[in-house]
PDB file of N, CA and C in Angstrom:
ATOM      1  N   UNK A   1       2.652   7.535  -6.642  1.00  0.00           N
ATOM      2  CA  UNK A   1       3.305   8.993  -5.862  1.00  0.00           C
ATOM      3  C   UNK A   1       3.951   8.183  -4.514  1.00  0.00           C
ATOM      4  N   UNK A   2       4.763   9.120  -4.684  1.00  0.00           N
ATOM      5  CA  UNK A   2       5.745   8.409  -2.905  1.00  0.00           C
ATOM      6  C   UNK A   2       5.372   9.998  -1.725  1.00  0.00           C
ATOM      7  N   UNK A   3       5.462   9.537  -0.399  1.00  0.00           N
ATOM      8  CA  UNK A   3       5.462  10.077   0.618  1.00  0.00           C
ATOM      9  C   UNK A   3       6.184  10.242   1.032  1.00  0.00           C
ATOM     10  N   UNK A   4       6.525  10.822   1.902  1.00  0.00           N
ATOM     11  CA  UNK A   4       7.173  11.648   3.056  1.00  0.00           C
ATOM     12  C   UNK A   4       6.910  10.510   3.795  1.00  0.00           C
ATOM     13  N   UNK A   5       7.733   9.648   4.700  1.00  0.00           N
ATOM     14  CA  UNK A   5       7.426   8.749   5.780  1.00  0.00           C
ATOM     15  C   UNK A   5       7.339   9.557   7.469  1.00  0.00           C
ATOM     16  N   UNK A   6       7.724  10.842   7.332  1.00  0.00           N
ATOM     17  CA  UNK A   6       7.815  11.421   8.512  1.00  0.00           C
ATOM     18  C   UNK A   6       6.633  12.558   8.485  1.00  0.00           C
ATOM     19  N   UNK A   7       6.265  13.312   7.500  1.00  0.00           N
ATOM     20  CA  UNK A   7       5.377  14.415   7.685  1.00  0.00           C
ATOM     21  C   UNK A   7       4.532  13.799   6.405  1.00  0.00           C
ATOM     22  N   UNK A   8       4.437  12.910   5.872  1.00  0.00           N
ATOM     23  CA  UNK A   8       3.193  12.663   4.935  1.00  0.00           C
ATOM     24  C   UNK A   8       3.362  13.876   3.495  1.00  0.00           C
ATOM     25  N   UNK A   9       4.194  14.408   3.308  1.00  0.00           N
ATOM     26  CA  UNK A   9       3.657  15.547   2.072  1.00  0.00           C
ATOM     27  C   UNK A   9       4.495  14.699   0.808  1.00  0.00           C
ATOM     28  N   UNK A  10       3.773  14.590  -0.359  1.00  0.00           N
ATOM     29  CA  UNK A  10       3.750  14.654  -1.369  1.00  0.00           C
ATOM     30  C   UNK A  10       5.610  14.703  -2.257  1.00  0.00           C
ATOM     31  N   UNK A  11       6.062  13.369  -2.586  1.00  0.00           N
ATOM     32  CA  UNK A  11       7.669  13.381  -3.172  1.00  0.00           C
ATOM     33  C   UNK A  11       7.242  13.225  -4.925  1.00  0.00           C
ATOM     34  N   UNK A  12       8.637  13.816  -5.535  1.00  0.00           N
ATOM     35  CA  UNK A  12       9.030  13.538  -6.337  1.00  0.00           C
ATOM     36  C   UNK A  12       9.539  12.534  -6.362  1.00  0.00           C
ATOM     37  N   UNK A  13       9.614  11.775  -7.829  1.00  0.00           N
ATOM     38  CA  UNK A  13      10.741  10.051  -8.002  1.00  0.00           C
ATOM     39  C   UNK A  13      11.596  10.558  -7.428  1.00  0.00           C
ATOM     40  N   UNK A  14      12.046  11.859  -7.832  1.00  0.00           N
ATOM     41  CA  UNK A  14      13.871  12.582  -8.065  1.00  0.00           C
ATOM     42  C   UNK A  14      14.161  12.940  -6.284  1.00  0.00           C
ATOM     43  N   UNK A  15      13.497  13.366  -5.761  1.00  0.00           N
ATOM     44  CA  UNK A  15      13.506  13.856  -3.887  1.00  0.00           C
ATOM     45  C   UNK A  15      14.667  12.948  -3.754  1.00  0.00           C
ATOM     46  N   UNK A  16      15.545  13.564  -2.741  1.00  0.00           N
ATOM     47  CA  UNK A  16      16.544  13.111  -1.784  1.00  0.00           C
ATOM     48  C   UNK A  16      16.473  13.325  -0.071  1.00  0.00           C
ATOM     49  N   UNK A  17      15.469  14.504  -0.384  1.00  0.00           N
ATOM     50  CA  UNK A  17      14.967  15.063   0.703  1.00  0.00           C
ATOM     51  C   UNK A  17      13.554  15.622   0.799  1.00  0.00           C
ATOM     52  N   UNK A  18      12.917  15.288   1.916  1.00  0.00           N
ATOM     53  CA  UNK A  18      11.790  15.882   1.904  1.00  0.00           C
ATOM     54  C   UNK A  18      11.128  17.823   1.638  1.00  0.00           C
ATOM     55  N   UNK A  19      10.706  17.833   0.760  1.00  0.00           N
ATOM     56  CA  UNK A  19      10.475  19.494   0.849  1.00  0.00           C
ATOM     57  C   UNK A  19      10.508  20.462   1.728  1.00  0.00           C
ATOM     58  N   UNK A  20       8.816  19.512   2.556  1.00  0.00           N
ATOM     59  CA  UNK A  20       7.868  20.195   3.720  1.00  0.00           C
ATOM     60  C   UNK A  20       9.309  20.352   4.796  1.00  0.00           C
ATOM     61  N   UNK A  21       9.849  18.907   5.378  1.00  0.00           N
ATOM     62  CA  UNK A  21      10.285  18.768   6.511  1.00  0.00           C
ATOM     63  C   UNK A  21      11.436  18.452   6.511  1.00  0.00           C
ATOM     64  N   UNK A  22      12.443  18.353   5.249  1.00  0.00           N
ATOM     65  CA  UNK A  22      13.653  18.281   5.050  1.00  0.00           C
ATOM     66  C   UNK A  22      14.068  16.558   5.552  1.00  0.00           C
ATOM     67  N   UNK A  23      13.666  15.303   5.727  1.00  0.00           N
ATOM     68  CA  UNK A  23      13.642  14.511   6.606  1.00  0.00           C
ATOM     69  C   UNK A  23      14.302  13.543   5.066  1.00  0.00           C
ATOM     70  N   UNK A  24      15.354  13.077   5.391  1.00  0.00           N
ATOM     71  CA  UNK A  24      15.822  11.945   4.049  1.00  0.00           C
ATOM     72  C   UNK A  24      14.777  11.503   3.321  1.00  0.00           C
ATOM     73  N   UNK A  25      15.243  10.978   2.225  1.00  0.00           N
ATOM     74  CA  UNK A  25      13.648  10.151   1.599  1.00  0.00           C
ATOM     75  C   UNK A  25      14.408   8.763   1.649  1.00  0.00           C
ATOM     76  N   UNK A  26      13.969   8.158   2.135  1.00  0.00           N
ATOM     77  CA  UNK A  26      13.962   6.192   2.202  1.00  0.00           C
ATOM     78  C   UNK A  26      13.747   5.773   0.628  1.00  0.00           C
ATOM     79  N   UNK A  27      14.703   4.899   0.208  1.00  0.00           N
ATOM     80  CA  UNK A  27      14.563   4.288  -1.112  1.00  0.00           C
ATOM     81  C   UNK A  27      13.230   3.188  -0.972  1.00  0.00           C
ATOM     82  N   UNK A  28      12.573   3.069  -1.865  1.00  0.00           N
ATOM     83  CA  UNK A  28      11.626   2.696  -2.027  1.00  0.00           C
ATOM     84  C   UNK A  28      10.845   1.621  -3.118  1.00  0.00           C
ATOM     85  N   UNK A  29      10.971   0.352  -2.664  1.00  0.00           N
ATOM     86  CA  UNK A  29      11.080  -0.559  -3.928  1.00  0.00           C
ATOM     87  C   UNK A  29       9.322  -1.110  -4.051  1.00  0.00           C
ATOM     88  N   UNK A  30       9.163  -1.178  -5.333  1.00  0.00           N
ATOM     89  CA  UNK A  30       7.699  -2.071  -5.757  1.00  0.00           C
ATOM     90  C   UNK A  30       7.661  -3.170  -5.984  1.00  0.00           C
ATOM     91  N   UNK A  31       6.953  -4.207  -6.416  1.00  0.00           N
ATOM     92  CA  UNK A  31       6.534  -5.366  -6.256  1.00  0.00           C
ATOM     93  C   UNK A  31       4.959  -5.641  -6.535  1.00  0.00           C
ATOM     94  N   UNK A  32       4.923  -6.615  -7.415  1.00  0.00           N
ATOM     95  CA  UNK A  32       3.604  -6.447  -8.093  1.00  0.00           C
ATOM     96  C   UNK A  32       3.258  -8.394  -7.726  1.00  0.00           C
ATOM     97  N   UNK A  33       1.671  -8.514  -7.706  1.00  0.00           N
ATOM     98  CA  UNK A  33       1.541  -9.637  -7.444  1.00  0.00           C
ATOM     99  C   UNK A  33       0.179  -9.886  -7.888  1.00  0.00           C
ATOM    100  N   UNK A  34      -0.164 -11.537  -8.484  1.00  0.00           N
ATOM    101  CA  UNK A  34      -1.891 -11.401  -8.927  1.00  0.00           C
ATOM    102  C   UNK A  34      -2.336 -11.965  -8.061  1.00  0.00           C
ATOM    103  N   UNK A  35      -3.159 -11.951  -7.411  1.00  0.00           N
ATOM    104  CA  UNK A  35      -3.788 -12.489  -7.080  1.00  0.00           C
ATOM    105  C   UNK A  35      -5.085 -12.680  -7.318  1.00  0.00           C
ATOM    106  N   UNK A  36      -5.998 -14.284  -6.625  1.00  0.00           N
ATOM    107  CA  UNK A  36      -7.793 -14.173  -7.198  1.00  0.00           C
ATOM    108  C   UNK A  36      -8.164 -13.047  -5.745  1.00  0.00           C
ATOM    109  N   UNK A  37      -9.414 -13.079  -6.302  1.00  0.00           N
ATOM    110  CA  UNK A  37     -10.222 -12.400  -5.193  1.00  0.00           C
ATOM    111  C   UNK A  37     -10.248 -12.754  -4.021  1.00  0.00           C
ATOM    112  N   UNK A  38     -10.535 -14.025  -3.891  1.00  0.00           N
ATOM    113  CA  UNK A  38     -10.954 -14.750  -2.596  1.00  0.00           C
ATOM    114  C   UNK A  38     -10.168 -14.654  -1.842  1.00  0.00           C
ATOM    115  N   UNK A  39      -8.318 -14.480  -2.279  1.00  0.00           N
ATOM    116  CA  UNK A  39      -7.455 -14.393  -1.103  1.00  0.00           C
ATOM    117  C   UNK A  39      -6.685 -13.274  -1.219  1.00  0.00           C
ATOM    118  N   UNK A  40      -7.596 -12.126  -1.752  1.00  0.00           N
ATOM    119  CA  UNK A  40      -7.018 -10.705  -1.336  1.00  0.00           C
ATOM    120  C   UNK A  40      -6.538 -10.424   0.118  1.00  0.00           C
ATOM    121  N   UNK A  41      -7.674 -10.307   1.250  1.00  0.00           N
ATOM    122  CA  UNK A  41      -7.529  -9.813   1.851  1.00  0.00           C
ATOM    123  C   UNK A  41      -6.561 -10.254   3.000  1.00  0.00           C
ATOM    124  N   UNK A  42      -6.691 -12.334   2.500  1.00  0.00           N
ATOM    125  CA  UNK A  42      -5.300 -12.724   3.708  1.00  0.00           C
ATOM    126  C   UNK A  42      -4.401 -12.449   3.085  1.00  0.00           C
ATOM    127  N   UNK A  43      -3.365 -12.258   1.843  1.00  0.00           N
ATOM    128  CA  UNK A  43      -2.315 -12.018   1.314  1.00  0.00           C
ATOM    129  C   UNK A  43      -2.230 -10.622   1.510  1.00  0.00           C
ATOM    130  N   UNK A  44      -2.698  -9.640   1.590  1.00  0.00           N
ATOM    131  CA  UNK A  44      -2.867  -7.740   2.626  1.00  0.00           C
ATOM    132  C   UNK A  44      -2.277  -8.451   3.872  1.00  0.00           C
ATOM    133  N   UNK A  45      -3.177  -9.030   4.672  1.00  0.00           N
ATOM    134  CA  UNK A  45      -2.912  -9.304   5.969  1.00  0.00           C
ATOM    135  C   UNK A  45      -1.509  -9.411   6.251  1.00  0.00           C
ATOM    136  N   UNK A  46      -1.271 -10.286   5.403  1.00  0.00           N
ATOM    137  CA  UNK A  46       0.092 -11.733   5.346  1.00  0.00           C
ATOM    138  C   UNK A  46       1.421  -9.985   5.026  1.00  0.00           C
ATOM    139  N   UNK A  47       0.803  -9.509   4.096  1.00  0.00           N
ATOM    140  CA  UNK A  47       1.993  -8.351   3.836  1.00  0.00           C
ATOM    141  C   UNK A  47       2.251  -6.989   4.760  1.00  0.00           C
ATOM    142  N   UNK A  48       0.881  -6.647   5.592  1.00  0.00           N
ATOM    143  CA  UNK A  48       0.742  -5.805   6.373  1.00  0.00           C
ATOM    144  C   UNK A  48       1.290  -6.740   7.736  1.00  0.00           C
ATOM    145  N   UNK A  49       1.670  -7.529   7.968  1.00  0.00           N
ATOM    146  CA  UNK A  49       2.358  -8.142   9.500  1.00  0.00           C
ATOM    147  C   UNK A  49       3.983  -8.059   8.776  1.00  0.00           C
ATOM    148  N   UNK A  50       4.451  -8.230   7.768  1.00  0.00           N
ATOM    149  CA  UNK A  50       5.792  -8.000   7.282  1.00  0.00           C
ATOM    150  C   UNK A  50       6.430  -6.662   8.423  1.00  0.00           C
ATOM    151  N   UNK A  51       6.008  -5.657   8.250  1.00  0.00           N
ATOM    152  CA  UNK A  51       6.315  -4.336   8.797  1.00  0.00           C
ATOM    153  C   UNK A  51       7.234  -3.542   8.212  1.00  0.00           C
ATOM    154  N   UNK A  52       7.514  -4.174   6.615  1.00  0.00           N
ATOM    155  CA  UNK A  52       8.301  -2.731   5.737  1.00  0.00           C
ATOM    156  C   UNK A  52       7.644  -2.436   4.948  1.00  0.00           C
ATOM    157  N   UNK A  53       6.337  -2.657   4.974  1.00  0.00           N
ATOM    158  CA  UNK A  53       5.631  -2.116   3.720  1.00  0.00           C
ATOM    159  C   UNK A  53       4.868  -0.368   4.048  1.00  0.00           C
ATOM    160  N   UNK A  54       4.986  -0.154   2.922  1.00  0.00           N
ATOM    161  CA  UNK A  54       4.668   1.344   3.556  1.00  0.00           C
ATOM    162  C   UNK A  54       3.669   1.673   2.484  1.00  0.00           C
ATOM    163  N   UNK A  55       3.239   1.283   2.057  1.00  0.00           N
ATOM    164  CA  UNK A  55       1.540   1.321   0.942  1.00  0.00           C
ATOM    165  C   UNK A  55       1.202   0.063   0.057  1.00  0.00           C
ATOM    166  N   UNK A  56      -0.187  -0.216  -0.181  1.00  0.00           N
ATOM    167  CA  UNK A  56      -0.483  -1.390  -0.909  1.00  0.00           C
ATOM    168  C   UNK A  56      -1.556  -0.573  -1.369  1.00  0.00           C
ATOM    169  N   UNK A  57      -1.474  -1.241  -3.194  1.00  0.00           N
ATOM    170  CA  UNK A  57      -2.418  -0.741  -3.772  1.00  0.00           C
ATOM    171  C   UNK A  57      -3.126  -2.032  -4.511  1.00  0.00           C
ATOM    172  N   UNK A  58      -4.308  -1.705  -4.571  1.00  0.00           N
ATOM    173  CA  UNK A  58      -5.030  -3.112  -5.164  1.00  0.00           C
ATOM    174  C   UNK A  58      -6.035  -2.325  -6.691  1.00  0.00           C
ATOM    175  N   UNK A  59      -5.691  -3.030  -7.340  1.00  0.00           N
ATOM    176  CA  UNK A  59      -5.431  -2.770  -9.146  1.00  0.00           C
ATOM    177  C   UNK A  59      -6.570  -3.914  -9.654  1.00  0.00           C
ATOM    178  N   UNK A  60      -7.751  -3.194 -10.260  1.00  0.00           N
ATOM    179  CA  UNK A  60      -8.429  -5.427 -11.418  1.00  0.00           C
ATOM    180  C   UNK A  60      -7.522  -5.327 -11.976  1.00  0.00           C
ATOM    181  N   UNK A  61      -8.214  -5.915 -13.342  1.00  0.00           N
ATOM    182  CA  UNK A  61      -7.425  -6.297 -14.297  1.00  0.00           C
ATOM    183  C   UNK A  61      -6.857  -5.593 -15.567  1.00  0.00           C
ATOM    184  N   UNK A  62      -7.793  -4.625 -15.401  1.00  0.00           N
ATOM    185  CA  UNK A  62      -7.831  -3.494 -16.461  1.00  0.00           C
ATOM    186  C   UNK A  62      -6.621  -2.297 -15.906  1.00  0.00           C
ATOM    187  N   UNK A  63      -6.521  -2.902 -14.675  1.00  0.00           N
ATOM    188  CA  UNK A  63      -5.339  -1.391 -14.399  1.00  0.00           C
ATOM    189  C   UNK A  63      -5.921  -0.391 -13.294  1.00  0.00           C
ATOM    190  N   UNK A  64      -7.030  -0.463 -12.920  1.00  0.00           N
ATOM    191  CA  UNK A  64      -7.770   0.790 -12.565  1.00  0.00           C
ATOM    192  C   UNK A  64      -7.522   0.567 -11.038  1.00  0.00           C
ATOM    193  N   UNK A  65      -6.963   1.500 -10.420  1.00  0.00           N
ATOM    194  CA  UNK A  65      -6.467   1.097  -9.093  1.00  0.00           C
ATOM    195  C   UNK A  65      -8.307   1.161  -8.052  1.00  0.00           C
ATOM    196  N   UNK A  66      -8.098   0.195  -7.224  1.00  0.00           N
ATOM    197  CA  UNK A  66      -9.545  -0.005  -6.625  1.00  0.00           C
ATOM    198  C   UNK A  66      -9.502   0.719  -4.917  1.00  0.00           C
ATOM    199  N   UNK A  67      -8.348   0.570  -4.293  1.00  0.00           N
ATOM    200  CA  UNK A  67      -8.123   0.744  -2.837  1.00  0.00           C
ATOM    201  C   UNK A  67      -6.533   0.980  -2.880  1.00  0.00           C
ATOM    202  N   UNK A  68      -5.795   2.196  -2.152  1.00  0.00           N
ATOM    203  CA  UNK A  68      -4.986   2.234  -1.846  1.00  0.00           C
ATOM    204  C   UNK A  68      -4.639   2.237  -0.693  1.00  0.00           C
ATOM    205  N   UNK A  69      -4.048   1.666   0.358  1.00  0.00           N
ATOM    206  CA  UNK A  69      -3.718   1.335   1.780  1.00  0.00           C
ATOM    207  C   UNK A  69      -2.353   1.599   2.344  1.00  0.00           C
ATOM    208  N   UNK A  70      -2.209   2.946   2.858  1.00  0.00           N
ATOM    209  CA  UNK A  70      -1.262   3.693   3.837  1.00  0.00           C
ATOM    210  C   UNK A  70      -1.272   2.434   4.919  1.00  0.00           C
ATOM    211  N   UNK A  71       0.368   2.090   5.014  1.00  0.00           N
ATOM    212  CA  UNK A  71       0.539   1.202   5.853  1.00  0.00           C
ATOM    213  C   UNK A  71       1.944   2.174   6.413  1.00  0.00           C
ATOM    214  N   UNK A  72       1.576   2.863   7.406  1.00  0.00           N
ATOM    215  CA  UNK A  72       2.765   3.577   8.322  1.00  0.00           C
ATOM    216  C   UNK A  72       3.073   2.738   9.411  1.00  0.00           C
ATOM    217  N   UNK A  73       3.822   2.622   9.970  1.00  0.00           N
ATOM    218  CA  UNK A  73       4.624   2.396  11.380  1.00  0.00           C
ATOM    219  C   UNK A  73       3.600   2.545  12.343  1.00  0.00           C
ATOM    220  N   UNK A  74       3.519   1.320  13.476  1.00  0.00           N
ATOM    221  CA  UNK A  74       2.399   1.946  14.049  1.00  0.00           C
ATOM    222  C   UNK A  74       0.606   1.624  13.774  1.00  0.00           C
ATOM    223  N   UNK A  75       0.553   1.013  12.577  1.00  0.00           N
ATOM    224  CA  UNK A  75      -0.795   0.975  12.148  1.00  0.00           C
ATOM    225  C   UNK A  75      -1.016  -0.417  13.425  1.00  0.00           C
ATOM    226  N   UNK A  76      -2.186  -0.658  13.763  1.00  0.00           N
ATOM    227  CA  UNK A  76      -2.706  -1.341  14.314  1.00  0.00           C
ATOM    228  C   UNK A  76      -4.296  -1.972  14.337  1.00  0.00           C
ATOM    229  N   UNK A  77      -4.514  -2.598  14.652  1.00  0.00           N
ATOM    230  CA  UNK A  77      -5.231  -3.416  13.641  1.00  0.00           C
ATOM    231  C   UNK A  77      -7.118  -3.113  13.860  1.00  0.00           C
ATOM    232  N   UNK A  78      -7.240  -1.897  14.931  1.00  0.00           N
ATOM    233  CA  UNK A  78      -8.467  -0.937  14.631  1.00  0.00           C
ATOM    234  C   UNK A  78      -8.333   0.002  13.909  1.00  0.00           C
ATOM    235  N   UNK A  79      -7.095   0.221  13.285  1.00  0.00           N
ATOM    236  CA  UNK A  79      -6.921   1.746  12.093  1.00  0.00           C
ATOM    237  C   UNK A  79      -7.368   0.643  10.941  1.00  0.00           C
ATOM    238  N   UNK A  80      -7.173  -0.196  10.702  1.00  0.00           N
ATOM    239  CA  UNK A  80      -6.661  -0.912   9.593  1.00  0.00           C
ATOM    240  C   UNK A  80      -8.215  -1.882   9.161  1.00  0.00           C
ATOM    241  N   UNK A  81      -9.071  -2.376   9.969  1.00  0.00           N
ATOM    242  CA  UNK A  81     -10.058  -2.814  10.018  1.00  0.00           C
ATOM    243  C   UNK A  81     -11.268  -2.464   9.000  1.00  0.00           C
ATOM    244  N   UNK A  82     -11.264  -0.817   8.941  1.00  0.00           N
ATOM    245  CA  UNK A  82     -12.241  -0.278   7.654  1.00  0.00           C
ATOM    246  C   UNK A  82     -11.680  -0.684   6.203  1.00  0.00           C
ATOM    247  N   UNK A  83     -10.292  -0.446   6.422  1.00  0.00           N
ATOM    248  CA  UNK A  83      -9.656  -1.198   5.095  1.00  0.00           C
ATOM    249  C   UNK A  83      -9.875  -2.410   4.573  1.00  0.00           C
ATOM    250  N   UNK A  84      -9.628  -3.076   5.954  1.00  0.00           N
ATOM    251  CA  UNK A  84      -9.907  -4.429   5.350  1.00  0.00           C
ATOM    252  C   UNK A  84     -11.317  -4.753   4.779  1.00  0.00           C
ATOM    253  N   UNK A  85     -12.110  -4.473   5.205  1.00  0.00           N
ATOM    254  CA  UNK A  85     -13.840  -4.207   5.157  1.00  0.00           C
ATOM    255  C   UNK A  85     -14.391  -3.996   3.656  1.00  0.00           C
ATOM    256  N   UNK A  86     -13.390  -2.890   3.286  1.00  0.00           N
ATOM    257  CA  UNK A  86     -13.268  -2.117   1.981  1.00  0.00           C
ATOM    258  C   UNK A  86     -12.798  -3.435   1.209  1.00  0.00           C
ATOM    259  N   UNK A  87     -11.632  -3.904   1.594  1.00  0.00           N
ATOM    260  CA  UNK A  87     -11.347  -4.618   0.407  1.00  0.00           C
ATOM    261  C   UNK A  87     -12.028  -6.036   0.357  1.00  0.00           C
ATOM    262  N   UNK A  88     -12.553  -6.624   2.035  1.00  0.00           N
ATOM    263  CA  UNK A  88     -13.799  -7.482   1.368  1.00  0.00           C
ATOM    264  C   UNK A  88     -14.541  -7.477   0.099  1.00  0.00           C
ATOM    265  N   UNK A  89     -15.393  -6.163   0.168  1.00  0.00           N
ATOM    266  CA  UNK A  89     -16.101  -5.807  -0.486  1.00  0.00           C
ATOM    267  C   UNK A  89     -15.541  -5.925  -1.995  1.00  0.00           C
ATOM    268  N   UNK A  90     -14.173  -5.654  -2.292  1.00  0.00           N
ATOM    269  CA  UNK A  90     -13.596  -5.286  -3.798  1.00  0.00           C
ATOM    270  C   UNK A  90     -13.501  -7.076  -3.760  1.00  0.00           C
ATOM    271  N   UNK A  91     -13.012  -7.685  -3.115  1.00  0.00           N
ATOM    272  CA  UNK A  91     -12.908  -9.048  -3.508  1.00  0.00           C
ATOM    273  C   UNK A  91     -13.896 -10.276  -4.202  1.00  0.00           C
ATOM    274  N   UNK A  92     -15.215  -9.271  -3.989  1.00  0.00           N
ATOM    275  CA  UNK A  92     -16.520  -9.783  -4.216  1.00  0.00           C
ATOM    276  C   UNK A  92     -16.853 -10.057  -5.642  1.00  0.00           C
ATOM    277  N   UNK A  93     -16.269  -8.460  -6.184  1.00  0.00           N
ATOM    278  CA  UNK A  93     -16.564  -7.925  -6.934  1.00  0.00           C
ATOM    279  C   UNK A  93     -15.432  -8.606  -8.048  1.00  0.00           C
ATOM    280  N   UNK A  94     -14.115  -7.987  -7.604  1.00  0.00           N
ATOM    281  CA  UNK A  94     -13.191  -9.179  -8.489  1.00  0.00           C
ATOM    282  C   UNK A  94     -13.010 -10.130  -8.726  1.00  0.00           C
ATOM    283  N   UNK A  95     -12.672 -11.134 -10.184  1.00  0.00           N
ATOM    284  CA  UNK A  95     -12.252 -12.423  -9.926  1.00  0.00           C
ATOM    285  C   UNK A  95     -10.434 -12.478  -9.724  1.00  0.00           C
ATOM    286  N   UNK A  96      -9.945 -11.214 -10.310  1.00  0.00           N
ATOM    287  CA  UNK A  96      -8.397 -11.365 -10.335  1.00  0.00           C
ATOM    288  C   UNK A  96      -8.047 -10.155 -10.205  1.00  0.00           C
ATOM    289  N   UNK A  97      -7.237 -10.015  -9.066  1.00  0.00           N
ATOM    290  CA  UNK A  97      -6.454  -8.375  -8.407  1.00  0.00           C
ATOM    291  C   UNK A  97      -5.048  -8.282  -8.674  1.00  0.00           C
ATOM    292  N   UNK A  98      -4.502  -6.896  -9.010  1.00  0.00           N
ATOM    293  CA  UNK A  98      -3.154  -7.123  -8.479  1.00  0.00           C
ATOM    294  C   UNK A  98      -2.610  -6.002  -7.325  1.00  0.00           C
ATOM    295  N   UNK A  99      -1.716  -6.581  -6.394  1.00  0.00           N
ATOM    296  CA  UNK A  99      -1.239  -5.832  -5.455  1.00  0.00           C
ATOM    297  C   UNK A  99       0.069  -5.021  -5.999  1.00  0.00           C
ATOM    298  N   UNK A 100       0.311  -3.962  -5.804  1.00  0.00           N
ATOM    299  CA  UNK A 100       1.192  -3.380  -6.140  1.00  0.00           C
ATOM    300  C   UNK A 100       2.004  -2.677  -4.463  1.00  0.00           C
ATOM    301  N   UNK A 101       3.212  -3.991  -4.159  1.00  0.00           N
ATOM    302  CA  UNK A 101       3.548  -3.140  -2.943  1.00  0.00           C
ATOM    303  C   UNK A 101       4.504  -2.706  -2.913  1.00  0.00           C
ATOM    304  N   UNK A 102       4.537  -1.110  -1.964  1.00  0.00           N
ATOM    305  CA  UNK A 102       5.478  -0.103  -2.030  1.00  0.00           C
ATOM    306  C   UNK A 102       6.520  -1.331  -0.310  1.00  0.00           C
ATOM    307  N   UNK A 103       7.459  -1.158  -0.511  1.00  0.00           N
ATOM    308  CA  UNK A 103       8.536  -0.998   0.393  1.00  0.00           C
ATOM    309  C   UNK A 103       9.470  -0.500   0.792  1.00  0.00           C
ATOM    310  N   UNK A 104      10.028   0.151   1.718  1.00  0.00           N
ATOM    311  CA  UNK A 104      11.013   0.564   2.061  1.00  0.00           C
ATOM    312  C   UNK A 104      12.121   0.195   2.381  1.00  0.00           C
ATOM    313  N   UNK A 105      13.798   0.239   1.476  1.00  0.00           N
ATOM    314  CA  UNK A 105      15.024  -0.174   1.579  1.00  0.00           C
ATOM    315  C   UNK A 105      15.809   0.225   2.983  1.00  0.00           C
TER     316      UNK A 105
END
């Protein structure tokens, strides 16, 4: 599900404007990466530093969602630290993970 970057309200795929605040909806593209469990945390850190990532979803080999990380503008290390700790636990349990990365265009 896509969320408004201004107010955080859920959006439908066909929405051009947010029904809650009226803000224009930015186009979002999705990419998928397959990463080994030991490299998940490092890859997520790299993606967060790129700046145009809005959300990262971590899935296991069976396509079950393990973790969803909202990466809003202005996120600092102290806010992301709990997410990365949880991701470290997931990395120990999963041998291969899929990262679904949403970027605003």
